[in-house]
Amino acid sequence: AARRYLWAYAAMPHGSENAKNLRLALQRACAASNDCADGRRGDAARHQRNATFCVEPPGLTPGRASIVTALLAGCIPVLFAPEQDRLWPLHWGGWR
């Protein structure tokens, strides 16, 4: 089935200064885009099911439950930190 949105964002600004800045930039970009499902305003998993890509910025730690939720929803997680890539190597397989 076709996905309604190109990407989804569901995170609030917190974490290191770099993480906050990244999250704020993604928040602004999502708000300005017709192709972004803003999961901050409701059921994040529903928004992930309706998007092709799910941006997964790190926060206080690199790991986010949202990464696994994105995979389960069939949404391709977009990672921003090398530490995130190393969290679940079996999930990525040979396609990363």
Protein backbone atom coordinates (compact mmCIF):
# COMPACT_ATOMS: atom_id res chain seq x y z
CA ALA A 1 0.00 0.00 0.00
CA ALA A 2 1.16 3.50 -0.74
CA ARG A 3 2.35 5.56 2.18
CA ARG A 4 0.78 8.98 2.64
CA TYR A 5 3.93 10.73 3.88
CA LEU A 6 7.56 10.65 2.79
CA TRP A 7 8.82 10.92 6.37
CA ALA A 8 7.71 10.96 9.99
CA TYR A 9 9.07 12.76 13.03
CA ALA A 10 8.14 12.00 16.63
CA ALA A 11 10.61 13.47 19.14
CA MET A 12 10.83 16.36 21.56
CA PRO A 13 13.99 18.49 21.99
CA HIS A 14 16.16 17.05 24.75
CA GLY A 15 19.59 15.50 25.25
CA SER A 16 22.94 17.09 24.50
CA GLU A 17 23.08 20.52 22.88
CA ASN A 18 23.74 18.88 19.50
CA ALA A 19 20.81 16.51 19.97
CA LYS A 20 18.50 19.39 20.93
CA ASN A 21 19.57 21.43 17.90
CA LEU A 22 19.06 18.47 15.56
CA ARG A 23 15.64 17.72 17.03
CA LEU A 24 14.56 21.36 16.77
CA ALA A 25 15.72 21.52 13.14
CA LEU A 26 13.79 18.32 12.33
CA GLN A 27 10.74 19.64 14.17
CA ARG A 28 10.79 22.87 12.12
CA ALA A 29 11.37 21.00 8.86
CA CYS A 30 8.46 18.66 9.60
CA ALA A 31 6.14 21.53 10.47
CA ALA A 32 7.02 23.26 7.19
CA SER A 33 6.53 20.15 5.04
CA ASN A 34 3.41 18.62 3.55
CA ASP A 35 5.33 15.33 3.27
CA CYS A 36 5.98 14.86 7.01
CA ALA A 37 3.77 13.09 9.55
CA ASP A 38 4.28 14.87 12.89
CA GLY A 39 3.99 12.10 15.48
CA ARG A 40 4.37 14.55 18.35
CA ARG A 41 0.65 15.27 18.00
CA GLY A 42 -0.83 11.87 18.64
CA ASP A 43 -0.11 8.24 17.97
CA ALA A 44 3.51 8.10 16.77
CA ALA A 45 3.18 4.48 15.59
CA ARG A 46 0.21 5.39 13.38
CA HIS A 47 2.26 8.15 11.78
CA GLN A 48 5.15 5.75 11.24
CA ARG A 49 2.83 3.30 9.46
CA ASN A 50 1.88 6.10 7.06
CA ALA A 51 5.44 7.21 6.24
CA THR A 52 8.25 5.74 4.15
CA PHE A 53 11.10 7.07 6.29
CA CYS A 54 11.19 7.68 10.06
CA VAL A 55 13.83 10.10 11.34
CA GLU A 56 15.34 8.83 14.59
CA PRO A 57 17.55 11.50 16.17
CA PRO A 58 19.45 10.53 19.32
CA GLY A 59 18.41 12.12 22.61
CA LEU A 60 19.79 11.39 26.06
CA THR A 61 21.10 8.09 24.65
CA PRO A 62 21.54 6.83 21.08
CA GLY A 63 18.92 4.12 21.55
CA ARG A 64 15.28 4.87 20.94
CA ALA A 65 12.32 2.51 21.22
CA SER A 66 11.01 4.39 18.20
CA ILE A 67 13.64 2.70 16.01
CA VAL A 68 12.13 -0.70 16.71
CA THR A 69 8.60 0.68 16.36
CA ALA A 70 9.56 2.10 12.96
CA LEU A 71 10.89 -1.27 11.81
CA LEU A 72 7.70 -3.00 12.97
CA ALA A 73 5.61 -0.39 11.14
CA GLY A 74 7.55 -0.94 7.91
CA CYS A 75 9.04 2.55 8.11
CA ILE A 76 12.72 2.86 7.17
CA PRO A 77 14.58 4.37 10.16
CA VAL A 78 16.93 7.25 9.37
CA LEU A 79 19.75 7.27 11.91
CA PHE A 80 21.93 10.27 12.76
CA ALA A 81 24.67 8.86 15.00
CA PRO A 82 27.11 5.99 14.38
CA GLU A 83 26.25 4.64 17.85
CA GLN A 84 22.67 4.07 16.67
CA ASP A 85 23.84 1.93 13.77
CA ARG A 86 25.73 -0.35 16.15
CA LEU A 87 22.76 -0.94 18.49
CA TRP A 88 20.95 -3.65 16.55
CA PRO A 89 23.22 -5.04 13.81
CA LEU A 90 20.96 -8.04 13.21
CA HIS A 91 18.05 -5.75 12.27
CA TRP A 92 19.98 -4.07 9.46
CA GLY A 93 21.35 -7.17 7.73
CA GLY A 94 23.17 -6.52 4.49
CA TRP A 95 21.02 -3.60 3.31
CA ARG A 96 22.46 -0.79 5.37
